[in-house]
Amino acid sequence: MSIAIIHRMPEGFTTEQYDAVNEKAAVTTDPPAGLIHHTVGTSDSGAVMIDVWESEEAFESFRDDRLNPALESIVGTETFAEMPAPEREFYAVHNTVSP
């Protein structure tokens, strides 16, 4: 079953950091298996991402194998260890429309 995830990044996480992590994880040049849709925007408190994945397992695999190592590489091991996890909301997808 497909899932939608809203990721609210910790306050202070910038779009510049997002761009660097995205490049390091090769998301654009080598999209991760199971990713259906990804978008990022900003709110008053920082970066917000909305994803649709084929499954929660596909997201977790990407997070563990590519995303977290890229993030740690960009922000540094100490900062990564102290950084709060993004606030995430998971939703079962009922329908997806891609024009």
PDB file of N, CA and C in Angstrom:
ATOM      1  N   MET A   1       0.834  -1.171   0.000  1.00  0.00           N
ATOM      2  CA  MET A   1       0.000   0.000   0.000  1.00  0.00           C
ATOM      3  C   MET A   1       0.883   1.239   0.000  1.00  0.00           C
ATOM      4  N   SER A   2       0.566   2.204  -0.847  1.00  0.00           N
ATOM      5  CA  SER A   2       1.314   3.459  -0.904  1.00  0.00           C
ATOM      6  C   SER A   2       1.057   4.278   0.349  1.00  0.00           C
ATOM      7  N   ILE A   3       2.079   5.056   0.711  1.00  0.00           N
ATOM      8  CA  ILE A   3       1.948   5.940   1.866  1.00  0.00           C
ATOM      9  C   ILE A   3       2.392   7.346   1.486  1.00  0.00           C
ATOM     10  N   ALA A   4       1.793   8.323   2.140  1.00  0.00           N
ATOM     11  CA  ALA A   4       2.230   9.713   2.037  1.00  0.00           C
ATOM     12  C   ALA A   4       2.879  10.066   3.363  1.00  0.00           C
ATOM     13  N   ILE A   5       3.951  10.837   3.293  1.00  0.00           N
ATOM     14  CA  ILE A   5       4.652  11.266   4.505  1.00  0.00           C
ATOM     15  C   ILE A   5       4.874  12.771   4.429  1.00  0.00           C
ATOM     16  N   ILE A   6       4.516  13.455   5.512  1.00  0.00           N
ATOM     17  CA  ILE A   6       4.858  14.860   5.665  1.00  0.00           C
ATOM     18  C   ILE A   6       6.012  14.912   6.661  1.00  0.00           C
ATOM     19  N   HIS A   7       7.142  15.470   6.220  1.00  0.00           N
ATOM     20  CA  HIS A   7       8.335  15.589   7.062  1.00  0.00           C
ATOM     21  C   HIS A   7       8.506  17.058   7.428  1.00  0.00           C
ATOM     22  N   ARG A   8       8.464  17.370   8.691  1.00  0.00           N
ATOM     23  CA  ARG A   8       8.750  18.733   9.145  1.00  0.00           C
ATOM     24  C   ARG A   8      10.141  18.700   9.767  1.00  0.00           C
ATOM     25  N   MET A   9      11.064  19.349   9.086  1.00  0.00           N
ATOM     26  CA  MET A   9      12.451  19.314   9.524  1.00  0.00           C
ATOM     27  C   MET A   9      12.634  20.164  10.774  1.00  0.00           C
ATOM     28  N   PRO A  10      13.667  19.842  11.568  1.00  0.00           N
ATOM     29  CA  PRO A  10      13.933  20.642  12.769  1.00  0.00           C
ATOM     30  C   PRO A  10      14.152  22.109  12.413  1.00  0.00           C
ATOM     31  N   GLU A  11      13.742  22.985  13.315  1.00  0.00           N
ATOM     32  CA  GLU A  11      13.925  24.426  13.109  1.00  0.00           C
ATOM     33  C   GLU A  11      15.388  24.714  12.804  1.00  0.00           C
ATOM     34  N   GLY A  12      15.610  25.560  11.840  1.00  0.00           N
ATOM     35  CA  GLY A  12      16.971  25.915  11.466  1.00  0.00           C
ATOM     36  C   GLY A  12      17.520  25.102  10.308  1.00  0.00           C
ATOM     37  N   PHE A  13      16.855  24.004   9.938  1.00  0.00           N
ATOM     38  CA  PHE A  13      17.307  23.228   8.777  1.00  0.00           C
ATOM     39  C   PHE A  13      16.947  24.028   7.531  1.00  0.00           C
ATOM     40  N   THR A  14      17.948  24.377   6.747  1.00  0.00           N
ATOM     41  CA  THR A  14      17.755  25.300   5.622  1.00  0.00           C
ATOM     42  C   THR A  14      17.557  24.579   4.293  1.00  0.00           C
ATOM     43  N   THR A  15      17.041  25.318   3.328  1.00  0.00           N
ATOM     44  CA  THR A  15      16.921  24.756   1.988  1.00  0.00           C
ATOM     45  C   THR A  15      18.299  24.536   1.362  1.00  0.00           C
ATOM     46  N   GLU A  16      19.299  25.308   1.794  1.00  0.00           N
ATOM     47  CA  GLU A  16      20.668  25.073   1.310  1.00  0.00           C
ATOM     48  C   GLU A  16      21.173  23.710   1.801  1.00  0.00           C
ATOM     49  N   GLN A  17      20.892  23.395   3.056  1.00  0.00           N
ATOM     50  CA  GLN A  17      21.259  22.077   3.577  1.00  0.00           C
ATOM     51  C   GLN A  17      20.478  20.991   2.846  1.00  0.00           C
ATOM     52  N   TYR A  18      19.203  21.233   2.620  1.00  0.00           N
ATOM     53  CA  TYR A  18      18.380  20.287   1.873  1.00  0.00           C
ATOM     54  C   TYR A  18      19.000  20.007   0.509  1.00  0.00           C
ATOM     55  N   ASP A  19      19.363  21.074  -0.212  1.00  0.00           N
ATOM     56  CA  ASP A  19      19.952  20.908  -1.545  1.00  0.00           C
ATOM     57  C   ASP A  19      21.237  20.087  -1.485  1.00  0.00           C
ATOM     58  N   ALA A  20      22.066  20.353  -0.488  1.00  0.00           N
ATOM     59  CA  ALA A  20      23.330  19.628  -0.352  1.00  0.00           C
ATOM     60  C   ALA A  20      23.085  18.147  -0.038  1.00  0.00           C
ATOM     61  N   VAL A  21      22.150  17.871   0.847  1.00  0.00           N
ATOM     62  CA  VAL A  21      21.822  16.478   1.194  1.00  0.00           C
ATOM     63  C   VAL A  21      21.224  15.774  -0.013  1.00  0.00           C
ATOM     64  N   ASN A  22      20.327  16.454  -0.708  1.00  0.00           N
ATOM     65  CA  ASN A  22      19.687  15.884  -1.890  1.00  0.00           C
ATOM     66  C   ASN A  22      20.730  15.512  -2.943  1.00  0.00           C
ATOM     67  N   GLU A  23      21.706  16.397  -3.144  1.00  0.00           N
ATOM     68  CA  GLU A  23      22.764  16.112  -4.106  1.00  0.00           C
ATOM     69  C   GLU A  23      23.632  14.941  -3.638  1.00  0.00           C
ATOM     70  N   LYS A  24      24.011  14.945  -2.365  1.00  0.00           N
ATOM     71  CA  LYS A  24      24.864  13.878  -1.817  1.00  0.00           C
ATOM     72  C   LYS A  24      24.167  12.519  -1.907  1.00  0.00           C
ATOM     73  N   ALA A  25      22.852  12.499  -1.667  1.00  0.00           N
ATOM     74  CA  ALA A  25      22.087  11.246  -1.716  1.00  0.00           C
ATOM     75  C   ALA A  25      21.685  10.874  -3.142  1.00  0.00           C
ATOM     76  N   ALA A  26      22.018  11.733  -4.112  1.00  0.00           N
ATOM     77  CA  ALA A  26      21.750  11.499  -5.539  1.00  0.00           C
ATOM     78  C   ALA A  26      20.271  11.251  -5.822  1.00  0.00           C
ATOM     79  N   VAL A  27      19.410  11.972  -5.124  1.00  0.00           N
ATOM     80  CA  VAL A  27      17.974  11.761  -5.276  1.00  0.00           C
ATOM     81  C   VAL A  27      17.506  12.110  -6.686  1.00  0.00           C
ATOM     82  N   THR A  28      18.014  13.194  -7.249  1.00  0.00           N
ATOM     83  CA  THR A  28      17.579  13.620  -8.579  1.00  0.00           C
ATOM     84  C   THR A  28      18.190  12.766  -9.684  1.00  0.00           C
ATOM     85  N   THR A  29      19.457  12.439  -9.550  1.00  0.00           N
ATOM     86  CA  THR A  29      20.141  11.693 -10.610  1.00  0.00           C
ATOM     87  C   THR A  29      19.916  10.185 -10.524  1.00  0.00           C
ATOM     88  N   ASP A  30      19.572   9.685  -9.350  1.00  0.00           N
ATOM     89  CA  ASP A  30      19.323   8.259  -9.143  1.00  0.00           C
ATOM     90  C   ASP A  30      18.186   8.103  -8.133  1.00  0.00           C
ATOM     91  N   PRO A  31      16.946   8.393  -8.560  1.00  0.00           N
ATOM     92  CA  PRO A  31      15.825   8.364  -7.620  1.00  0.00           C
ATOM     93  C   PRO A  31      15.742   7.022  -6.881  1.00  0.00           C
ATOM     94  N   PRO A  32      15.433   7.092  -5.599  1.00  0.00           N
ATOM     95  CA  PRO A  32      15.383   5.855  -4.822  1.00  0.00           C
ATOM     96  C   PRO A  32      14.231   4.951  -5.238  1.00  0.00           C
ATOM     97  N   ALA A  33      14.467   3.653  -5.131  1.00  0.00           N
ATOM     98  CA  ALA A  33      13.428   2.668  -5.431  1.00  0.00           C
ATOM     99  C   ALA A  33      12.236   2.915  -4.525  1.00  0.00           C
ATOM    100  N   GLY A  34      11.058   2.914  -5.104  1.00  0.00           N
ATOM    101  CA  GLY A  34       9.836   3.056  -4.334  1.00  0.00           C
ATOM    102  C   GLY A  34       9.325   4.471  -4.176  1.00  0.00           C
ATOM    103  N   LEU A  35      10.115   5.467  -4.570  1.00  0.00           N
ATOM    104  CA  LEU A  35       9.658   6.856  -4.470  1.00  0.00           C
ATOM    105  C   LEU A  35       8.708   7.155  -5.627  1.00  0.00           C
ATOM    106  N   ILE A  36       7.515   7.651  -5.290  1.00  0.00           N
ATOM    107  CA  ILE A  36       6.532   8.019  -6.307  1.00  0.00           C
ATOM    108  C   ILE A  36       6.550   9.516  -6.548  1.00  0.00           C
ATOM    109  N   HIS A  37       6.645  10.290  -5.467  1.00  0.00           N
ATOM    110  CA  HIS A  37       6.609  11.755  -5.589  1.00  0.00           C
ATOM    111  C   HIS A  37       7.341  12.378  -4.407  1.00  0.00           C
ATOM    112  N   HIS A  38       8.050  13.470  -4.667  1.00  0.00           N
ATOM    113  CA  HIS A  38       8.744  14.202  -3.612  1.00  0.00           C
ATOM    114  C   HIS A  38       8.662  15.688  -3.919  1.00  0.00           C
ATOM    115  N   THR A  39       8.375  16.471  -2.895  1.00  0.00           N
ATOM    116  CA  THR A  39       8.378  17.928  -3.029  1.00  0.00           C
ATOM    117  C   THR A  39       8.852  18.532  -1.715  1.00  0.00           C
ATOM    118  N   VAL A  40       9.416  19.725  -1.799  1.00  0.00           N
ATOM    119  CA  VAL A  40       9.884  20.423  -0.598  1.00  0.00           C
ATOM    120  C   VAL A  40       9.446  21.870  -0.678  1.00  0.00           C
ATOM    121  N   GLY A  41       9.141  22.416   0.473  1.00  0.00           N
ATOM    122  CA  GLY A  41       8.791  23.819   0.586  1.00  0.00           C
ATOM    123  C   GLY A  41       9.248  24.320   1.942  1.00  0.00           C
ATOM    124  N   THR A  42       8.863  25.528   2.267  1.00  0.00           N
ATOM    125  CA  THR A  42       9.269  26.090   3.544  1.00  0.00           C
ATOM    126  C   THR A  42       8.055  26.600   4.304  1.00  0.00           C
ATOM    127  N   SER A  43       8.203  26.618   5.619  1.00  0.00           N
ATOM    128  CA  SER A  43       7.209  27.204   6.503  1.00  0.00           C
ATOM    129  C   SER A  43       7.948  28.188   7.397  1.00  0.00           C
ATOM    130  N   ASP A  44       7.241  28.810   8.314  1.00  0.00           N
ATOM    131  CA  ASP A  44       7.889  29.735   9.239  1.00  0.00           C
ATOM    132  C   ASP A  44       8.973  29.056  10.066  1.00  0.00           C
ATOM    133  N   SER A  45       8.832  27.741  10.292  1.00  0.00           N
ATOM    134  CA  SER A  45       9.803  27.048  11.139  1.00  0.00           C
ATOM    135  C   SER A  45      10.876  26.301  10.353  1.00  0.00           C
ATOM    136  N   GLY A  46      10.767  26.242   9.036  1.00  0.00           N
ATOM    137  CA  GLY A  46      11.817  25.577   8.259  1.00  0.00           C
ATOM    138  C   GLY A  46      11.274  24.742   7.119  1.00  0.00           C
ATOM    139  N   ALA A  47      12.107  23.813   6.664  1.00  0.00           N
ATOM    140  CA  ALA A  47      11.789  22.993   5.495  1.00  0.00           C
ATOM    141  C   ALA A  47      10.707  21.959   5.818  1.00  0.00           C
ATOM    142  N   VAL A  48       9.812  21.763   4.855  1.00  0.00           N
ATOM    143  CA  VAL A  48       8.758  20.763   4.951  1.00  0.00           C
ATOM    144  C   VAL A  48       8.782  19.968   3.651  1.00  0.00           C
ATOM    145  N   MET A  49       8.808  18.639   3.773  1.00  0.00           N
ATOM    146  CA  MET A  49       8.800  17.773   2.604  1.00  0.00           C
ATOM    147  C   MET A  49       7.545  16.919   2.601  1.00  0.00           C
ATOM    148  N   ILE A  50       7.035  16.678   1.417  1.00  0.00           N
ATOM    149  CA  ILE A  50       5.887  15.794   1.253  1.00  0.00           C
ATOM    150  C   ILE A  50       6.278  14.741   0.237  1.00  0.00           C
ATOM    151  N   ASP A  51       6.168  13.480   0.650  1.00  0.00           N
ATOM    152  CA  ASP A  51       6.545  12.351  -0.202  1.00  0.00           C
ATOM    153  C   ASP A  51       5.378  11.393  -0.359  1.00  0.00           C
ATOM    154  N   VAL A  52       5.391  10.674  -1.463  1.00  0.00           N
ATOM    155  CA  VAL A  52       4.546   9.496  -1.641  1.00  0.00           C
ATOM    156  C   VAL A  52       5.495   8.354  -1.998  1.00  0.00           C
ATOM    157  N   TRP A  53       5.392   7.263  -1.256  1.00  0.00           N
ATOM    158  CA  TRP A  53       6.237   6.089  -1.434  1.00  0.00           C
ATOM    159  C   TRP A  53       5.375   4.864  -1.695  1.00  0.00           C
ATOM    160  N   GLU A  54       5.938   3.890  -2.388  1.00  0.00           N
ATOM    161  CA  GLU A  54       5.223   2.634  -2.625  1.00  0.00           C
ATOM    162  C   GLU A  54       4.911   1.918  -1.321  1.00  0.00           C
ATOM    163  N   SER A  55       5.787   2.094  -0.315  1.00  0.00           N
ATOM    164  CA  SER A  55       5.569   1.446   0.980  1.00  0.00           C
ATOM    165  C   SER A  55       6.417   2.143   2.038  1.00  0.00           C
ATOM    166  N   GLU A  56       6.072   1.926   3.285  1.00  0.00           N
ATOM    167  CA  GLU A  56       6.875   2.463   4.376  1.00  0.00           C
ATOM    168  C   GLU A  56       8.264   1.821   4.381  1.00  0.00           C
ATOM    169  N   GLU A  57       8.343   0.557   4.007  1.00  0.00           N
ATOM    170  CA  GLU A  57       9.629  -0.135   3.943  1.00  0.00           C
ATOM    171  C   GLU A  57      10.557   0.490   2.913  1.00  0.00           C
ATOM    172  N   ALA A  58      10.009   0.927   1.775  1.00  0.00           N
ATOM    173  CA  ALA A  58      10.830   1.575   0.748  1.00  0.00           C
ATOM    174  C   ALA A  58      11.401   2.883   1.292  1.00  0.00           C
ATOM    175  N   PHE A  59      10.574   3.657   2.000  1.00  0.00           N
ATOM    176  CA  PHE A  59      11.070   4.890   2.608  1.00  0.00           C
ATOM    177  C   PHE A  59      12.152   4.586   3.634  1.00  0.00           C
ATOM    178  N   GLU A  60      11.906   3.616   4.522  1.00  0.00           N
ATOM    179  CA  GLU A  60      12.869   3.293   5.573  1.00  0.00           C
ATOM    180  C   GLU A  60      14.207   2.841   4.989  1.00  0.00           C
ATOM    181  N   SER A  61      14.168   2.080   3.913  1.00  0.00           N
ATOM    182  CA  SER A  61      15.391   1.636   3.248  1.00  0.00           C
ATOM    183  C   SER A  61      16.177   2.839   2.724  1.00  0.00           C
ATOM    184  N   PHE A  62      15.486   3.763   2.057  1.00  0.00           N
ATOM    185  CA  PHE A  62      16.141   4.967   1.565  1.00  0.00           C
ATOM    186  C   PHE A  62      16.699   5.792   2.726  1.00  0.00           C
ATOM    187  N   ARG A  63      15.896   5.977   3.758  1.00  0.00           N
ATOM    188  CA  ARG A  63      16.332   6.764   4.918  1.00  0.00           C
ATOM    189  C   ARG A  63      17.604   6.183   5.531  1.00  0.00           C
ATOM    190  N   ASP A  64      17.616   4.882   5.741  1.00  0.00           N
ATOM    191  CA  ASP A  64      18.747   4.245   6.410  1.00  0.00           C
ATOM    192  C   ASP A  64      19.989   4.135   5.523  1.00  0.00           C
ATOM    193  N   ASP A  65      19.789   3.828   4.239  1.00  0.00           N
ATOM    194  CA  ASP A  65      20.919   3.544   3.347  1.00  0.00           C
ATOM    195  C   ASP A  65      21.501   4.780   2.659  1.00  0.00           C
ATOM    196  N   ARG A  66      20.678   5.791   2.411  1.00  0.00           N
ATOM    197  CA  ARG A  66      21.153   6.944   1.647  1.00  0.00           C
ATOM    198  C   ARG A  66      20.917   8.289   2.321  1.00  0.00           C
ATOM    199  N   LEU A  67      19.726   8.504   2.854  1.00  0.00           N
ATOM    200  CA  LEU A  67      19.385   9.821   3.390  1.00  0.00           C
ATOM    201  C   LEU A  67      20.178  10.159   4.651  1.00  0.00           C
ATOM    202  N   ASN A  68      20.103   9.314   5.663  1.00  0.00           N
ATOM    203  CA  ASN A  68      20.814   9.620   6.905  1.00  0.00           C
ATOM    204  C   ASN A  68      22.324   9.712   6.719  1.00  0.00           C
ATOM    205  N   PRO A  69      22.968   8.810   5.956  1.00  0.00           N
ATOM    206  CA  PRO A  69      24.407   8.982   5.728  1.00  0.00           C
ATOM    207  C   PRO A  69      24.735  10.295   5.010  1.00  0.00           C
ATOM    208  N   ALA A  70      23.909  10.706   4.046  1.00  0.00           N
ATOM    209  CA  ALA A  70      24.150  11.978   3.347  1.00  0.00           C
ATOM    210  C   ALA A  70      23.964  13.150   4.304  1.00  0.00           C
ATOM    211  N   LEU A  71      22.922  13.116   5.118  1.00  0.00           N
ATOM    212  CA  LEU A  71      22.676  14.181   6.084  1.00  0.00           C
ATOM    213  C   LEU A  71      23.823  14.284   7.080  1.00  0.00           C
ATOM    214  N   GLU A  72      24.270  13.153   7.595  1.00  0.00           N
ATOM    215  CA  GLU A  72      25.389  13.148   8.543  1.00  0.00           C
ATOM    216  C   GLU A  72      26.647  13.724   7.896  1.00  0.00           C
ATOM    217  N   SER A  73      26.887  13.393   6.641  1.00  0.00           N
ATOM    218  CA  SER A  73      28.044  13.902   5.922  1.00  0.00           C
ATOM    219  C   SER A  73      27.990  15.422   5.761  1.00  0.00           C
ATOM    220  N   ILE A  74      26.807  15.960   5.540  1.00  0.00           N
ATOM    221  CA  ILE A  74      26.645  17.396   5.312  1.00  0.00           C
ATOM    222  C   ILE A  74      26.721  18.190   6.613  1.00  0.00           C
ATOM    223  N   VAL A  75      26.033  17.734   7.650  1.00  0.00           N
ATOM    224  CA  VAL A  75      25.978  18.530   8.894  1.00  0.00           C
ATOM    225  C   VAL A  75      27.063  18.152   9.891  1.00  0.00           C
ATOM    226  N   GLY A  76      27.716  17.020   9.693  1.00  0.00           N
ATOM    227  CA  GLY A  76      28.750  16.556  10.612  1.00  0.00           C
ATOM    228  C   GLY A  76      28.187  15.548  11.609  1.00  0.00           C
ATOM    229  N   THR A  77      29.044  14.644  12.033  1.00  0.00           N
ATOM    230  CA  THR A  77      28.625  13.550  12.903  1.00  0.00           C
ATOM    231  C   THR A  77      28.060  14.045  14.232  1.00  0.00           C
ATOM    232  N   GLU A  78      28.728  15.024  14.851  1.00  0.00           N
ATOM    233  CA  GLU A  78      28.269  15.517  16.149  1.00  0.00           C
ATOM    234  C   GLU A  78      26.905  16.200  16.037  1.00  0.00           C
ATOM    235  N   THR A  79      26.761  17.066  15.042  1.00  0.00           N
ATOM    236  CA  THR A  79      25.481  17.755  14.842  1.00  0.00           C
ATOM    237  C   THR A  79      24.389  16.757  14.501  1.00  0.00           C
ATOM    238  N   PHE A  80      24.704  15.779  13.647  1.00  0.00           N
ATOM    239  CA  PHE A  80      23.723  14.764  13.271  1.00  0.00           C
ATOM    240  C   PHE A  80      23.244  13.997  14.503  1.00  0.00           C
ATOM    241  N   ALA A  81      24.166  13.637  15.387  1.00  0.00           N
ATOM    242  CA  ALA A  81      23.818  12.879  16.591  1.00  0.00           C
ATOM    243  C   ALA A  81      22.914  13.683  17.521  1.00  0.00           C
ATOM    244  N   GLU A  82      23.083  15.003  17.534  1.00  0.00           N
ATOM    245  CA  GLU A  82      22.303  15.865  18.422  1.00  0.00           C
ATOM    246  C   GLU A  82      21.029  16.405  17.770  1.00  0.00           C
ATOM    247  N   MET A  83      20.926  16.273  16.461  1.00  0.00           N
ATOM    248  CA  MET A  83      19.796  16.832  15.717  1.00  0.00           C
ATOM    249  C   MET A  83      18.516  16.051  16.026  1.00  0.00           C
ATOM    250  N   PRO A  84      17.438  16.763  16.370  1.00  0.00           N
ATOM    251  CA  PRO A  84      16.182  16.045  16.578  1.00  0.00           C
ATOM    252  C   PRO A  84      15.686  15.457  15.260  1.00  0.00           C
ATOM    253  N   ALA A  85      15.036  14.326  15.344  1.00  0.00           N
ATOM    254  CA  ALA A  85      14.469  13.709  14.147  1.00  0.00           C
ATOM    255  C   ALA A  85      13.365  14.606  13.601  1.00  0.00           C
ATOM    256  N   PRO A  86      13.172  14.577  12.289  1.00  0.00           N
ATOM    257  CA  PRO A  86      12.053  15.346  11.730  1.00  0.00           C
ATOM    258  C   PRO A  86      10.736  14.841  12.326  1.00  0.00           C
ATOM    259  N   GLU A  87       9.788  15.746  12.438  1.00  0.00           N
ATOM    260  CA  GLU A  87       8.434  15.343  12.816  1.00  0.00           C
ATOM    261  C   GLU A  87       7.803  14.758  11.561  1.00  0.00           C
ATOM    262  N   ARG A  88       7.309  13.528  11.653  1.00  0.00           N
ATOM    263  CA  ARG A  88       6.750  12.872  10.464  1.00  0.00           C
ATOM    264  C   ARG A  88       5.317  12.421  10.722  1.00  0.00           C
ATOM    265  N   GLU A  89       4.489  12.626   9.707  1.00  0.00           N
ATOM    266  CA  GLU A  89       3.116  12.128   9.721  1.00  0.00           C
ATOM    267  C   GLU A  89       2.972  11.179   8.544  1.00  0.00           C
ATOM    268  N   PHE A  90       2.427   9.993   8.792  1.00  0.00           N
ATOM    269  CA  PHE A  90       2.240   8.979   7.766  1.00  0.00           C
ATOM    270  C   PHE A  90       0.749   8.821   7.473  1.00  0.00           C
ATOM    271  N   TYR A  91       0.420   8.692   6.199  1.00  0.00           N
ATOM    272  CA  TYR A  91      -0.966   8.522   5.776  1.00  0.00           C
ATOM    273  C   TYR A  91      -1.042   7.414   4.724  1.00  0.00           C
ATOM    274  N   ALA A  92      -2.073   6.593   4.821  1.00  0.00           N
ATOM    275  CA  ALA A  92      -2.341   5.623   3.753  1.00  0.00           C
ATOM    276  C   ALA A  92      -2.875   6.411   2.554  1.00  0.00           C
ATOM    277  N   VAL A  93      -2.377   6.100   1.366  1.00  0.00           N
ATOM    278  CA  VAL A  93      -2.806   6.794   0.149  1.00  0.00           C
ATOM    279  C   VAL A  93      -4.030   6.083  -0.426  1.00  0.00           C
ATOM    280  N   HIS A  94      -5.050   6.857  -0.654  1.00  0.00           N
ATOM    281  CA  HIS A  94      -6.271   6.323  -1.266  1.00  0.00           C
ATOM    282  C   HIS A  94      -6.233   6.471  -2.797  1.00  0.00           C
ATOM    283  N   ASN A  95      -5.691   7.614  -3.266  1.00  0.00           N
ATOM    284  CA  ASN A  95      -5.657   7.881  -4.698  1.00  0.00           C
ATOM    285  C   ASN A  95      -4.524   8.855  -5.004  1.00  0.00           C
ATOM    286  N   THR A  96      -3.892   8.682  -6.142  1.00  0.00           N
ATOM    287  CA  THR A  96      -2.863   9.597  -6.619  1.00  0.00           C
ATOM    288  C   THR A  96      -3.192   9.973  -8.052  1.00  0.00           C
ATOM    289  N   VAL A  97      -3.147  11.257  -8.349  1.00  0.00           N
ATOM    290  CA  VAL A  97      -3.388  11.729  -9.718  1.00  0.00           C
ATOM    291  C   VAL A  97      -2.119  12.418 -10.185  1.00  0.00           C
ATOM    292  N   SER A  98      -1.588  11.964 -11.304  1.00  0.00           N
ATOM    293  CA  SER A  98      -0.417  12.586 -11.917  1.00  0.00           C
ATOM    294  C   SER A  98      -0.782  12.952 -13.339  1.00  0.00           C
ATOM    295  N   PRO A  99      -1.035  14.239 -13.586  1.00  0.00           N
ATOM    296  CA  PRO A  99      -1.442  14.643 -14.944  1.00  0.00           C
ATOM    297  C   PRO A  99      -0.353  14.396 -15.970  1.00  0.00           C
TER     298      PRO A  99
END
